């Protein structure tokens, strides 16, 4: 989650300073500070939260969806190419949590994305694609967002799959040892 926060900060600073697009820093600071505080609290109370790990992780995914909504609302809403990142959280939920959490996060994300149409701040650079054949900032942003989502999903799913393979190998080894001991 700290990597996500660092990525958000770098992206927002890049858009604000590098591209000269004015952004409402107070709203963005609230969302990012909320994520930092929740991360610090998670680290501090980690040993006490193990009995409710699924509930805690699911709640953090919901909090992250709310923070993403606030960030997107301040930076173009549904026209912001990074709205695609709702799907990353749903994917992580599908891998880590029970089906109910994934469905809940999916429905919450759909509702939050829909809310963006009503509450978002317009950013003209994200409004339209150029018809002249040139790449608009929106199209470039869509590509960067897609690449970010693809890398995050690929990394996370590969890591979880590798852990599952290792557990399967350990189980097979234990079964062989058990069979040997029985003989």
Protein backbone atom coordinates (compact mmCIF):
# COMPACT_ATOMS: atom_id res chain seq x y z
CA UNK A 1 0.00 0.00 0.00
CA UNK A 2 2.93 2.36 0.55
CA UNK A 3 3.94 1.74 -3.07
CA UNK A 4 0.44 2.72 -4.16
CA UNK A 5 0.63 5.90 -2.11
CA UNK A 6 4.06 6.77 -3.52
CA UNK A 7 2.75 6.17 -7.04
CA UNK A 8 -0.24 8.44 -6.40
CA UNK A 9 2.00 11.20 -5.07
CA UNK A 10 4.43 10.93 -7.99
CA UNK A 11 1.61 10.93 -10.52
CA UNK A 12 -0.16 13.91 -8.95
CA UNK A 13 3.06 15.91 -8.66
CA UNK A 14 3.89 15.02 -12.27
CA UNK A 15 0.49 16.15 -13.52
CA UNK A 16 0.50 19.29 -11.39
CA UNK A 17 4.07 20.44 -11.86
CA UNK A 18 5.17 18.64 -15.00
CA UNK A 19 2.06 19.26 -17.09
CA UNK A 20 1.01 22.48 -15.36
CA UNK A 21 -2.52 21.24 -14.61
CA UNK A 22 -3.78 22.89 -11.40
CA UNK A 23 -5.09 20.38 -8.87
CA UNK A 24 -6.93 20.92 -5.56
CA UNK A 25 -4.13 19.94 -3.20
CA UNK A 26 -6.25 20.00 -0.02
CA UNK A 27 -8.66 17.30 -1.27
CA UNK A 28 -5.79 15.23 -2.60
CA UNK A 29 -3.85 15.61 0.66
CA UNK A 30 -6.89 14.40 2.63
CA UNK A 31 -7.16 11.23 0.53
CA UNK A 32 -3.45 10.45 0.62
CA UNK A 33 -3.11 11.27 4.34
CA UNK A 34 -6.04 8.94 5.06
CA UNK A 35 -4.23 6.14 3.24
CA UNK A 36 -0.96 6.83 5.08
CA UNK A 37 -2.71 6.85 8.48
CA UNK A 38 -4.60 3.62 7.72
CA UNK A 39 -1.34 1.99 6.64
CA UNK A 40 0.46 3.12 9.79
CA UNK A 41 -2.44 1.90 11.95
CA UNK A 42 -2.41 -1.44 10.14
CA UNK A 43 1.29 -1.86 10.84
CA UNK A 44 0.91 -0.80 14.47
CA UNK A 45 -2.04 -3.07 15.26
CA UNK A 46 -1.14 -5.94 12.90
CA UNK A 47 -0.67 -8.56 15.62
CA UNK A 48 -4.02 -7.71 17.22
CA UNK A 49 -5.87 -7.81 13.90
CA UNK A 50 -4.89 -11.32 12.79
CA UNK A 51 -8.15 -12.86 14.03
CA UNK A 52 -10.10 -10.45 11.81
CA UNK A 53 -7.61 -10.31 8.92
CA UNK A 54 -10.19 -10.75 6.17
CA UNK A 55 -12.45 -8.07 7.63
CA UNK A 56 -9.51 -5.68 8.02
CA UNK A 57 -8.21 -6.25 4.48
CA UNK A 58 -11.71 -5.95 3.01
CA UNK A 59 -12.29 -2.74 4.93
CA UNK A 60 -8.96 -1.37 3.68
CA UNK A 61 -9.96 -2.15 0.09
CA UNK A 62 -13.20 -0.23 0.63
CA UNK A 63 -11.26 2.67 2.18
CA UNK A 64 -8.86 2.62 -0.78
CA UNK A 65 -11.84 2.74 -3.18
CA UNK A 66 -13.20 5.76 -1.29
CA UNK A 67 -9.80 7.50 -1.40
CA UNK A 68 -9.45 6.70 -5.11
CA UNK A 69 -12.89 8.23 -5.64
CA UNK A 70 -11.85 11.42 -3.85
CA UNK A 71 -8.64 11.62 -5.88
CA UNK A 72 -10.48 10.97 -9.14
CA UNK A 73 -13.24 13.47 -8.26
CA UNK A 74 -10.57 16.14 -7.83
CA UNK A 75 -8.72 15.20 -11.02
CA UNK A 76 -11.30 14.80 -13.77
CA UNK A 77 -13.67 12.15 -12.42
CA UNK A 78 -14.77 9.55 -14.95
CA UNK A 79 -12.67 11.18 -17.66
CA UNK A 80 -9.49 10.56 -15.65
CA UNK A 81 -7.83 7.54 -17.27
CA UNK A 82 -6.81 6.20 -13.85
CA UNK A 83 -10.42 5.37 -13.01
CA UNK A 84 -9.38 1.98 -14.37
CA UNK A 85 -7.65 1.35 -11.02
CA UNK A 86 -10.94 0.37 -9.41
CA UNK A 87 -10.50 -2.91 -11.30
CA UNK A 88 -7.11 -3.55 -9.70
CA UNK A 89 -8.64 -3.44 -6.22
CA UNK A 90 -11.46 -5.76 -7.27
CA UNK A 91 -8.90 -8.19 -8.72
CA UNK A 92 -6.85 -8.14 -5.52
CA UNK A 93 -10.01 -8.78 -3.54
CA UNK A 94 -10.91 -11.73 -5.75
CA UNK A 95 -7.55 -13.31 -5.05
CA UNK A 96 -7.27 -12.54 -1.33
CA UNK A 97 -10.79 -12.47 0.07
CA UNK A 98 -14.00 -14.46 0.05
CA UNK A 99 -16.51 -13.99 -2.73
CA UNK A 100 -18.81 -11.79 -0.60
CA UNK A 101 -16.07 -9.19 -0.10
CA UNK A 102 -15.26 -9.20 -3.81
CA UNK A 103 -18.89 -8.72 -4.79
CA UNK A 104 -19.30 -6.00 -2.17
CA UNK A 105 -16.18 -4.18 -3.39
CA UNK A 106 -17.34 -4.58 -7.01
CA UNK A 107 -20.74 -3.05 -6.24
CA UNK A 108 -19.21 -0.28 -4.13
CA UNK A 109 -16.75 0.52 -6.94
CA UNK A 110 -19.55 0.66 -9.50
CA UNK A 111 -21.50 3.05 -7.28
CA UNK A 112 -18.44 5.20 -6.54
CA UNK A 113 -17.51 5.38 -10.23
CA UNK A 114 -21.10 6.44 -10.99
CA UNK A 115 -20.87 9.06 -8.24
CA UNK A 116 -17.92 10.59 -10.07
CA UNK A 117 -20.28 11.74 -12.83
CA UNK A 118 -22.07 13.94 -10.30
CA UNK A 119 -19.27 15.20 -8.03
CA UNK A 120 -16.14 15.43 -10.16
CA UNK A 121 -14.11 18.48 -11.05
CA UNK A 122 -13.57 18.85 -14.78
CA UNK A 123 -10.02 18.77 -16.14
CA UNK A 124 -10.11 19.94 -19.77
CA UNK A 125 -6.96 17.99 -20.69
CA UNK A 126 -8.83 14.73 -19.98
CA UNK A 127 -12.03 15.68 -21.81
CA UNK A 128 -11.47 14.67 -25.40
CA UNK A 129 -9.33 12.78 -27.84
CA UNK A 130 -7.68 14.68 -30.65
CA UNK A 131 -9.12 13.91 -34.05
CA UNK A 132 -6.03 15.23 -35.81
CA UNK A 133 -4.09 12.02 -35.39
CA UNK A 134 -1.99 13.39 -32.55
CA UNK A 135 -2.03 11.69 -29.19
CA UNK A 136 -4.02 13.68 -26.66
CA UNK A 137 -3.09 13.83 -23.00
CA UNK A 138 -6.18 11.71 -22.33
CA UNK A 139 -5.06 8.93 -24.68
CA UNK A 140 -1.56 8.93 -23.22
CA UNK A 141 -3.08 8.84 -19.73
CA UNK A 142 -5.28 5.89 -20.74
CA UNK A 143 -2.20 4.00 -21.93
CA UNK A 144 -0.26 4.78 -18.72
CA UNK A 145 -3.27 3.76 -16.61
CA UNK A 146 -3.67 0.51 -18.53
CA UNK A 147 0.05 -0.24 -18.19
CA UNK A 148 -0.09 0.49 -14.45
CA UNK A 149 -3.09 -1.77 -13.95
CA UNK A 150 -1.55 -4.54 -16.06
CA UNK A 151 1.74 -4.42 -14.13
CA UNK A 152 0.04 -4.36 -10.72
CA UNK A 153 -2.32 -7.22 -11.56
CA UNK A 154 0.44 -9.27 -13.21
CA UNK A 155 2.84 -8.78 -10.31
CA UNK A 156 0.28 -9.55 -7.64
CA UNK A 157 -1.30 -12.55 -9.34
CA UNK A 158 2.13 -14.00 -10.19
CA UNK A 159 3.22 -13.60 -6.57
CA UNK A 160 0.07 -15.28 -5.23
CA UNK A 161 0.34 -18.08 -7.82
CA UNK A 162 3.97 -18.72 -6.88
CA UNK A 163 3.03 -18.94 -3.20
CA UNK A 164 0.23 -21.38 -4.06
CA UNK A 165 2.66 -23.54 -6.05
CA UNK A 166 5.11 -23.55 -3.15
CA UNK A 167 2.37 -24.59 -0.73
CA UNK A 168 1.34 -27.37 -3.12
CA UNK A 169 4.94 -28.60 -3.33
CA UNK A 170 5.23 -28.55 0.45
CA UNK A 171 1.98 -30.51 0.75
CA UNK A 172 3.19 -33.12 -1.76
CA UNK A 173 6.46 -33.46 0.12
CA UNK A 174 4.61 -33.90 3.42
CA UNK A 175 2.35 -36.55 1.84
CA UNK A 176 5.40 -38.45 0.57
CA UNK A 177 7.01 -38.29 4.00
CA UNK A 178 3.79 -39.45 5.64
CA UNK A 179 3.53 -42.40 3.22
CA UNK A 180 7.19 -43.29 3.93
CA UNK A 181 6.60 -43.15 7.67
CA UNK A 182 3.50 -45.36 7.37
CA UNK A 183 5.52 -47.97 5.45
